């Protein structure tokens, strides 16, 4: 049994949205969780209690946004599936939801194992598995 108040889905959603907005506005290096807390209307302790680090919160946001861009649909047409395999990542990077977040985090994913290792183990591996099975 966890101590403290139960996690509020509304607060978690506001925190993730505030994180995205701060990340896009400031970049990862300048992002401060106290700014996220203020924007989300929660205490900083609420963020630390549920995520612990800004890397953990960044990974949670990535995991929330990535799924539509991972799967290569079975279209029954090899050419169309190959085109989807190439276009999905491009759409992800340039799209309005995932694009600004992944662009703001790409260099951090490359250099910070606290963010990069879990990202590669989940999103990149899932993408590779989806492409291999298509």
C-alpha atoms as a PDB file:
ATOM      1  CA  UNK A   1       0.000   0.000   0.000  1.00  0.00           C
ATOM      2  CA  UNK A   2       1.342   3.419  -0.988  1.00  0.00           C
ATOM      3  CA  UNK A   3       1.423   6.191   1.540  1.00  0.00           C
ATOM      4  CA  UNK A   4      -0.107   9.597   0.946  1.00  0.00           C
ATOM      5  CA  UNK A   5      -2.917  10.719  -1.245  1.00  0.00           C
ATOM      6  CA  UNK A   6      -3.843   8.633  -4.280  1.00  0.00           C
ATOM      7  CA  UNK A   7      -2.576   9.885  -7.606  1.00  0.00           C
ATOM      8  CA  UNK A   8      -4.987  12.238  -9.339  1.00  0.00           C
ATOM      9  CA  UNK A   9      -5.390  11.521 -13.052  1.00  0.00           C
ATOM     10  CA  UNK A  10      -6.390  15.147 -13.595  1.00  0.00           C
ATOM     11  CA  UNK A  11      -3.279  16.453 -11.841  1.00  0.00           C
ATOM     12  CA  UNK A  12      -1.061  13.974 -13.724  1.00  0.00           C
ATOM     13  CA  UNK A  13      -2.552  15.109 -17.035  1.00  0.00           C
ATOM     14  CA  UNK A  14      -2.013  18.782 -16.120  1.00  0.00           C
ATOM     15  CA  UNK A  15       1.578  18.032 -15.082  1.00  0.00           C
ATOM     16  CA  UNK A  16       2.362  16.215 -18.338  1.00  0.00           C
ATOM     17  CA  UNK A  17       0.817  19.049 -20.360  1.00  0.00           C
ATOM     18  CA  UNK A  18       2.710  21.679 -18.364  1.00  0.00           C
ATOM     19  CA  UNK A  19       5.924  19.698 -18.852  1.00  0.00           C
ATOM     20  CA  UNK A  20       5.362  19.622 -22.625  1.00  0.00           C
ATOM     21  CA  UNK A  21       4.735  23.366 -22.706  1.00  0.00           C
ATOM     22  CA  UNK A  22       7.795  24.158 -20.584  1.00  0.00           C
ATOM     23  CA  UNK A  23       9.958  21.749 -22.586  1.00  0.00           C
ATOM     24  CA  UNK A  24       8.960  23.320 -25.881  1.00  0.00           C
ATOM     25  CA  UNK A  25       9.356  26.867 -24.541  1.00  0.00           C
ATOM     26  CA  UNK A  26      12.636  26.428 -22.626  1.00  0.00           C
ATOM     27  CA  UNK A  27      14.303  23.215 -23.788  1.00  0.00           C
ATOM     28  CA  UNK A  28      15.262  20.340 -21.512  1.00  0.00           C
ATOM     29  CA  UNK A  29      18.405  21.859 -20.005  1.00  0.00           C
ATOM     30  CA  UNK A  30      16.606  25.021 -18.841  1.00  0.00           C
ATOM     31  CA  UNK A  31      13.422  23.245 -17.776  1.00  0.00           C
ATOM     32  CA  UNK A  32      12.762  23.394 -14.025  1.00  0.00           C
ATOM     33  CA  UNK A  33      10.170  21.255 -12.324  1.00  0.00           C
ATOM     34  CA  UNK A  34       9.138  24.181 -10.157  1.00  0.00           C
ATOM     35  CA  UNK A  35       8.028  25.963 -13.350  1.00  0.00           C
ATOM     36  CA  UNK A  36       6.121  22.846 -14.394  1.00  0.00           C
ATOM     37  CA  UNK A  37       4.460  22.704 -10.971  1.00  0.00           C
ATOM     38  CA  UNK A  38       3.425  26.352 -11.148  1.00  0.00           C
ATOM     39  CA  UNK A  39       2.030  25.965 -14.660  1.00  0.00           C
ATOM     40  CA  UNK A  40       0.156  22.789 -13.670  1.00  0.00           C
ATOM     41  CA  UNK A  41      -1.181  24.318 -10.467  1.00  0.00           C
ATOM     42  CA  UNK A  42       0.329  21.665  -8.195  1.00  0.00           C
ATOM     43  CA  UNK A  43       3.069  21.593  -5.609  1.00  0.00           C
ATOM     44  CA  UNK A  44       6.582  20.627  -6.686  1.00  0.00           C
ATOM     45  CA  UNK A  45       6.418  17.754  -4.174  1.00  0.00           C
ATOM     46  CA  UNK A  46       3.542  16.251  -6.177  1.00  0.00           C
ATOM     47  CA  UNK A  47       5.785  15.962  -9.222  1.00  0.00           C
ATOM     48  CA  UNK A  48       8.733  14.535  -7.292  1.00  0.00           C
ATOM     49  CA  UNK A  49       6.501  12.070  -5.450  1.00  0.00           C
ATOM     50  CA  UNK A  50       5.248  10.547  -8.694  1.00  0.00           C
ATOM     51  CA  UNK A  51       8.173  10.973 -11.088  1.00  0.00           C
ATOM     52  CA  UNK A  52      11.260  11.669  -8.991  1.00  0.00           C
ATOM     53  CA  UNK A  53      13.271  13.340 -11.763  1.00  0.00           C
ATOM     54  CA  UNK A  54      12.625  15.421 -14.837  1.00  0.00           C
ATOM     55  CA  UNK A  55      14.039  12.526 -16.888  1.00  0.00           C
ATOM     56  CA  UNK A  56      11.331  10.232 -15.493  1.00  0.00           C
ATOM     57  CA  UNK A  57       8.647  12.778 -16.332  1.00  0.00           C
ATOM     58  CA  UNK A  58      10.120  13.267 -19.820  1.00  0.00           C
ATOM     59  CA  UNK A  59      10.050   9.504 -20.397  1.00  0.00           C
ATOM     60  CA  UNK A  60       6.435   9.335 -19.221  1.00  0.00           C
ATOM     61  CA  UNK A  61       5.483  12.094 -21.678  1.00  0.00           C
ATOM     62  CA  UNK A  62       7.350  10.328 -24.489  1.00  0.00           C
ATOM     63  CA  UNK A  63       5.659   7.023 -23.684  1.00  0.00           C
ATOM     64  CA  UNK A  64       2.271   8.724 -23.757  1.00  0.00           C
ATOM     65  CA  UNK A  65       2.879  10.325 -27.166  1.00  0.00           C
ATOM     66  CA  UNK A  66       4.871   7.627 -28.990  1.00  0.00           C
ATOM     67  CA  UNK A  67       2.435   4.707 -29.485  1.00  0.00           C
ATOM     68  CA  UNK A  68       0.634   6.021 -32.585  1.00  0.00           C
ATOM     69  CA  UNK A  69       4.005   6.440 -34.293  1.00  0.00           C
ATOM     70  CA  UNK A  70       5.413   3.008 -33.462  1.00  0.00           C
ATOM     71  CA  UNK A  71       3.136   0.549 -35.199  1.00  0.00           C
ATOM     72  CA  UNK A  72       3.381  -0.081 -38.918  1.00  0.00           C
ATOM     73  CA  UNK A  73      -0.124  -1.075 -39.972  1.00  0.00           C
ATOM     74  CA  UNK A  74      -0.789  -4.239 -41.943  1.00  0.00           C
ATOM     75  CA  UNK A  75      -2.087  -2.701 -45.140  1.00  0.00           C
ATOM     76  CA  UNK A  76      -1.979  -5.844 -47.242  1.00  0.00           C
ATOM     77  CA  UNK A  77       0.378  -4.056 -49.627  1.00  0.00           C
ATOM     78  CA  UNK A  78       4.127  -4.366 -49.145  1.00  0.00           C
ATOM     79  CA  UNK A  79       4.903  -1.121 -50.948  1.00  0.00           C
ATOM     80  CA  UNK A  80       2.400   0.842 -48.843  1.00  0.00           C
ATOM     81  CA  UNK A  81       3.777  -0.747 -45.665  1.00  0.00           C
ATOM     82  CA  UNK A  82       7.359   0.172 -46.643  1.00  0.00           C
ATOM     83  CA  UNK A  83       6.268   3.758 -47.298  1.00  0.00           C
ATOM     84  CA  UNK A  84       4.503   3.809 -43.906  1.00  0.00           C
ATOM     85  CA  UNK A  85       7.678   2.492 -42.281  1.00  0.00           C
ATOM     86  CA  UNK A  86       9.540   5.552 -43.562  1.00  0.00           C
ATOM     87  CA  UNK A  87       6.772   8.139 -43.297  1.00  0.00           C
ATOM     88  CA  UNK A  88       5.651   7.378 -39.708  1.00  0.00           C
ATOM     89  CA  UNK A  89       8.926   8.505 -38.100  1.00  0.00           C
ATOM     90  CA  UNK A  90       9.004  11.606 -40.310  1.00  0.00           C
ATOM     91  CA  UNK A  91       5.409  12.394 -39.418  1.00  0.00           C
ATOM     92  CA  UNK A  92       6.242  11.851 -35.743  1.00  0.00           C
ATOM     93  CA  UNK A  93       9.136  14.299 -35.811  1.00  0.00           C
ATOM     94  CA  UNK A  94       7.272  16.950 -37.785  1.00  0.00           C
ATOM     95  CA  UNK A  95       3.783  16.467 -36.309  1.00  0.00           C
ATOM     96  CA  UNK A  96       2.261  18.963 -33.886  1.00  0.00           C
ATOM     97  CA  UNK A  97       1.988  16.704 -30.802  1.00  0.00           C
ATOM     98  CA  UNK A  98       5.001  14.407 -30.663  1.00  0.00           C
ATOM     99  CA  UNK A  99       7.285  16.437 -32.940  1.00  0.00           C
ATOM    100  CA  UNK A 100       8.159  19.380 -30.678  1.00  0.00           C
ATOM    101  CA  UNK A 101       8.638  17.057 -27.696  1.00  0.00           C
ATOM    102  CA  UNK A 102      10.913  14.550 -29.441  1.00  0.00           C
ATOM    103  CA  UNK A 103      12.909  17.336 -31.108  1.00  0.00           C
ATOM    104  CA  UNK A 104      13.426  18.992 -27.712  1.00  0.00           C
ATOM    105  CA  UNK A 105      14.579  15.686 -26.204  1.00  0.00           C
ATOM    106  CA  UNK A 106      16.658  14.076 -28.983  1.00  0.00           C
ATOM    107  CA  UNK A 107      20.032  15.320 -27.772  1.00  0.00           C
ATOM    108  CA  UNK A 108      19.145  14.428 -24.183  1.00  0.00           C
ATOM    109  CA  UNK A 109      18.102  10.917 -25.261  1.00  0.00           C
ATOM    110  CA  UNK A 110      21.508  10.576 -26.923  1.00  0.00           C
ATOM    111  CA  UNK A 111      23.595  11.672 -23.925  1.00  0.00           C
ATOM    112  CA  UNK A 112      21.593  10.834 -20.788  1.00  0.00           C
ATOM    113  CA  UNK A 113      21.224   7.114 -20.056  1.00  0.00           C
ATOM    114  CA  UNK A 114      18.441   7.846 -17.532  1.00  0.00           C
ATOM    115  CA  UNK A 115      16.315   8.943 -20.469  1.00  0.00           C
ATOM    116  CA  UNK A 116      17.973   7.301 -23.469  1.00  0.00           C
ATOM    117  CA  UNK A 117      18.238   3.728 -22.191  1.00  0.00           C
ATOM    118  CA  UNK A 118      14.549   3.350 -21.276  1.00  0.00           C
ATOM    119  CA  UNK A 119      13.517   5.166 -24.467  1.00  0.00           C
ATOM    120  CA  UNK A 120      15.559   2.782 -26.607  1.00  0.00           C
ATOM    121  CA  UNK A 121      14.398  -0.244 -24.609  1.00  0.00           C
ATOM    122  CA  UNK A 122      10.740   0.624 -25.075  1.00  0.00           C
ATOM    123  CA  UNK A 123       9.974   2.924 -28.002  1.00  0.00           C
ATOM    124  CA  UNK A 124      12.870   2.052 -30.301  1.00  0.00           C
ATOM    125  CA  UNK A 125      12.589  -1.693 -29.584  1.00  0.00           C
ATOM    126  CA  UNK A 126       8.808  -1.619 -30.141  1.00  0.00           C
ATOM    127  CA  UNK A 127       9.343   0.231 -33.425  1.00  0.00           C
ATOM    128  CA  UNK A 128      11.992  -2.262 -34.550  1.00  0.00           C
ATOM    129  CA  UNK A 129       9.723  -5.185 -33.656  1.00  0.00           C
ATOM    130  CA  UNK A 130       6.831  -3.614 -35.555  1.00  0.00           C
ATOM    131  CA  UNK A 131       8.969  -3.023 -38.653  1.00  0.00           C
ATOM    132  CA  UNK A 132      10.424  -6.553 -38.528  1.00  0.00           C
ATOM    133  CA  UNK A 133       6.985  -8.154 -38.287  1.00  0.00           C
ATOM    134  CA  UNK A 134       5.535  -6.147 -41.198  1.00  0.00           C
END
